[in-house]
């Protein structure tokens, strides 16, 4: 249990640091995210293509899905490098989906709270509802929200970091896992 709470605390602190960075330097953060996603997509695409080529040498029936996946992901990475608008829009959808799933999972986790009347419960509930609302806004207007994407992302990271930090400090006394 101690490893879990330490990991949650470290994750919370990292999220808070990212949140502050995104809020202070939004233009650098957005460009960095698109370029990192592009680099990862190119690397993953090349890896999948090589995986296909090596499996073709070892087997009579190579895994064609690796080739298709690799070519698609490689093309996506190249597109992200050379078309910033697409990269921003794509990143907006990806993070909106992540925020929505994370917020819903936090809301589901709140049912395990032992003390539902504690201030921490209401703080986590309020922040999670705000994070879910931010994800919905990002889905509704992904291109317009891309202009303020890093601000929304920074706010989300900051909120989620605070939630994770609060949870990690008193996880044993607040939750009952039955």
Protein backbone atom coordinates (compact mmCIF):
# COMPACT_ATOMS: atom_id res chain seq x y z
CA UNK A 1 0.00 0.00 0.00
CA UNK A 2 2.88 2.36 0.79
CA UNK A 3 4.32 1.92 -2.73
CA UNK A 4 0.94 2.78 -4.24
CA UNK A 5 0.56 5.96 -2.18
CA UNK A 6 4.16 7.02 -2.90
CA UNK A 7 3.60 6.46 -6.62
CA UNK A 8 0.33 8.40 -6.46
CA UNK A 9 2.06 11.26 -4.64
CA UNK A 10 4.89 11.39 -7.19
CA UNK A 11 2.38 11.26 -10.05
CA UNK A 12 0.40 14.08 -8.45
CA UNK A 13 3.50 16.25 -8.09
CA UNK A 14 4.50 15.58 -11.71
CA UNK A 15 0.99 16.50 -12.87
CA UNK A 16 1.14 19.73 -10.85
CA UNK A 17 4.54 20.59 -12.41
CA UNK A 18 3.19 19.93 -15.93
CA UNK A 19 0.10 21.98 -15.13
CA UNK A 20 2.16 24.98 -14.05
CA UNK A 21 4.43 24.65 -17.12
CA UNK A 22 1.43 24.47 -19.48
CA UNK A 23 -0.14 27.53 -17.86
CA UNK A 24 3.06 29.60 -17.88
CA UNK A 25 4.42 28.62 -21.34
CA UNK A 26 1.38 27.50 -23.39
CA UNK A 27 2.84 28.03 -26.88
CA UNK A 28 6.01 26.08 -26.12
CA UNK A 29 4.02 23.31 -24.42
CA UNK A 30 1.67 22.85 -27.38
CA UNK A 31 4.43 22.75 -29.97
CA UNK A 32 6.41 20.36 -27.77
CA UNK A 33 3.45 18.00 -27.39
CA UNK A 34 2.84 17.86 -31.15
CA UNK A 35 6.53 17.24 -31.90
CA UNK A 36 6.83 14.59 -29.19
CA UNK A 37 3.72 12.84 -30.51
CA UNK A 38 5.13 13.02 -34.05
CA UNK A 39 8.49 11.58 -33.00
CA UNK A 40 6.84 8.77 -31.04
CA UNK A 41 4.56 7.95 -33.98
CA UNK A 42 7.51 7.80 -36.41
CA UNK A 43 9.50 5.57 -34.04
CA UNK A 44 6.51 3.28 -33.41
CA UNK A 45 5.73 3.09 -37.14
CA UNK A 46 9.30 2.15 -38.02
CA UNK A 47 9.35 -0.40 -35.19
CA UNK A 48 6.13 -2.03 -36.47
CA UNK A 49 7.47 -2.18 -40.04
CA UNK A 50 10.71 -3.81 -38.86
CA UNK A 51 8.67 -6.18 -36.71
CA UNK A 52 6.78 -7.23 -39.85
CA UNK A 53 10.00 -7.70 -41.85
CA UNK A 54 11.62 -9.84 -39.12
CA UNK A 55 8.48 -11.91 -38.61
CA UNK A 56 8.34 -12.50 -42.38
CA UNK A 57 11.83 -14.04 -42.27
CA UNK A 58 10.91 -16.32 -39.35
CA UNK A 59 7.42 -17.37 -40.39
CA UNK A 60 5.60 -18.35 -43.56
CA UNK A 61 2.64 -16.27 -42.37
CA UNK A 62 3.92 -12.86 -41.32
CA UNK A 63 1.68 -10.61 -39.26
CA UNK A 64 0.30 -8.25 -41.92
CA UNK A 65 -1.38 -6.10 -39.28
CA UNK A 66 2.10 -5.00 -38.10
CA UNK A 67 2.89 -3.71 -41.58
CA UNK A 68 -0.45 -1.91 -41.96
CA UNK A 69 -0.22 -0.47 -38.45
CA UNK A 70 3.39 0.58 -38.97
CA UNK A 71 2.68 2.32 -42.28
CA UNK A 72 -0.37 4.11 -40.84
CA UNK A 73 1.43 5.26 -37.69
CA UNK A 74 4.51 6.31 -39.67
CA UNK A 75 2.32 8.36 -42.03
CA UNK A 76 0.56 9.91 -39.03
CA UNK A 77 3.92 10.86 -37.49
CA UNK A 78 5.11 12.48 -40.70
CA UNK A 79 1.77 14.32 -40.99
CA UNK A 80 2.15 15.59 -37.43
CA UNK A 81 5.64 16.90 -38.21
CA UNK A 82 4.56 18.82 -41.30
CA UNK A 83 0.98 19.88 -40.53
CA UNK A 84 0.80 21.66 -37.20
CA UNK A 85 -2.95 22.35 -37.46
CA UNK A 86 -3.73 18.66 -37.81
CA UNK A 87 -1.34 17.88 -34.98
CA UNK A 88 -3.05 20.38 -32.71
CA UNK A 89 -6.53 19.09 -33.61
CA UNK A 90 -5.45 15.44 -33.21
CA UNK A 91 -3.79 16.19 -29.88
CA UNK A 92 -6.91 18.04 -28.75
CA UNK A 93 -9.11 15.00 -29.41
CA UNK A 94 -6.62 12.62 -27.80
CA UNK A 95 -6.32 14.62 -24.60
CA UNK A 96 -10.08 15.28 -24.48
CA UNK A 97 -10.66 11.53 -24.56
CA UNK A 98 -8.00 10.95 -21.89
CA UNK A 99 -9.46 13.67 -19.63
CA UNK A 100 -12.99 12.33 -20.01
CA UNK A 101 -11.99 8.74 -19.21
CA UNK A 102 -9.81 9.78 -16.25
CA UNK A 103 -12.57 12.00 -14.82
CA UNK A 104 -15.24 9.32 -15.19
CA UNK A 105 -12.97 6.76 -13.52
CA UNK A 106 -12.33 9.18 -10.62
CA UNK A 107 -16.09 9.70 -10.22
CA UNK A 108 -16.58 5.93 -10.15
CA UNK A 109 -13.78 5.59 -7.57
CA UNK A 110 -15.50 8.10 -5.27
CA UNK A 111 -18.14 5.49 -4.42
CA UNK A 112 -15.47 3.71 -2.33
CA UNK A 113 -15.03 6.73 -0.06
CA UNK A 114 -15.80 5.85 3.55
CA UNK A 115 -16.40 9.43 4.68
CA UNK A 116 -18.53 11.09 2.02
CA UNK A 117 -19.09 14.18 4.17
CA UNK A 118 -15.40 15.11 4.44
CA UNK A 119 -14.18 18.32 2.79
CA UNK A 120 -11.66 16.31 0.76
CA UNK A 121 -14.49 14.29 -0.80
CA UNK A 122 -16.22 17.44 -1.98
CA UNK A 123 -12.97 19.00 -3.21
CA UNK A 124 -12.19 15.90 -5.27
CA UNK A 125 -15.77 15.74 -6.54
CA UNK A 126 -15.75 19.41 -7.57
CA UNK A 127 -12.35 19.22 -9.27
CA UNK A 128 -13.32 16.03 -11.08
CA UNK A 129 -16.56 17.57 -12.36
CA UNK A 130 -14.58 20.62 -13.55
CA UNK A 131 -12.08 18.32 -15.30
CA UNK A 132 -14.94 16.43 -16.97
CA UNK A 133 -16.49 19.72 -18.11
CA UNK A 134 -13.13 20.78 -19.58
CA UNK A 135 -12.92 17.53 -21.54
CA UNK A 136 -16.44 18.06 -22.93
CA UNK A 137 -15.48 21.59 -24.02
CA UNK A 138 -12.48 20.17 -25.84
CA UNK A 139 -14.68 17.66 -27.69
CA UNK A 140 -17.21 20.32 -28.73
CA UNK A 141 -14.74 22.74 -30.29
CA UNK A 142 -11.43 20.93 -30.76
CA UNK A 143 -9.87 23.46 -33.14
CA UNK A 144 -10.95 26.51 -31.16
CA UNK A 145 -9.98 24.84 -27.95
CA UNK A 146 -6.57 24.10 -29.48
CA UNK A 147 -5.79 27.80 -29.13
CA UNK A 148 -6.44 27.50 -25.43
CA UNK A 149 -5.54 23.82 -25.38
CA UNK A 150 -2.48 24.20 -23.23
CA UNK A 151 -4.40 26.32 -20.74
CA UNK A 152 -7.09 23.64 -20.49
CA UNK A 153 -4.44 20.93 -20.33
CA UNK A 154 -2.50 22.85 -17.70
CA UNK A 155 -5.66 23.33 -15.64
CA UNK A 156 -6.47 19.64 -15.96
CA UNK A 157 -2.95 18.54 -14.95
CA UNK A 158 -3.01 20.96 -12.02
CA UNK A 159 -6.45 19.77 -10.85
CA UNK A 160 -5.64 16.09 -11.32
CA UNK A 161 -2.28 16.59 -9.57
CA UNK A 162 -4.02 18.15 -6.57
CA UNK A 163 -6.55 15.28 -6.51
CA UNK A 164 -3.81 12.63 -6.68
CA UNK A 165 -1.77 14.39 -3.99
CA UNK A 166 -4.76 14.63 -1.65
CA UNK A 167 -5.63 10.97 -2.24
CA UNK A 168 -2.04 9.79 -1.68
CA UNK A 169 -1.77 11.54 1.67
CA UNK A 170 -4.77 9.82 3.28
CA UNK A 171 -5.64 6.90 1.02
CA UNK A 172 -5.91 4.39 3.88
CA UNK A 173 -8.27 6.41 6.02
CA UNK A 174 -10.53 7.57 3.17
CA UNK A 175 -11.05 4.46 1.08
CA UNK A 176 -12.40 1.03 1.81
CA UNK A 177 -11.66 -1.60 -0.82
CA UNK A 178 -14.31 -4.30 -0.51
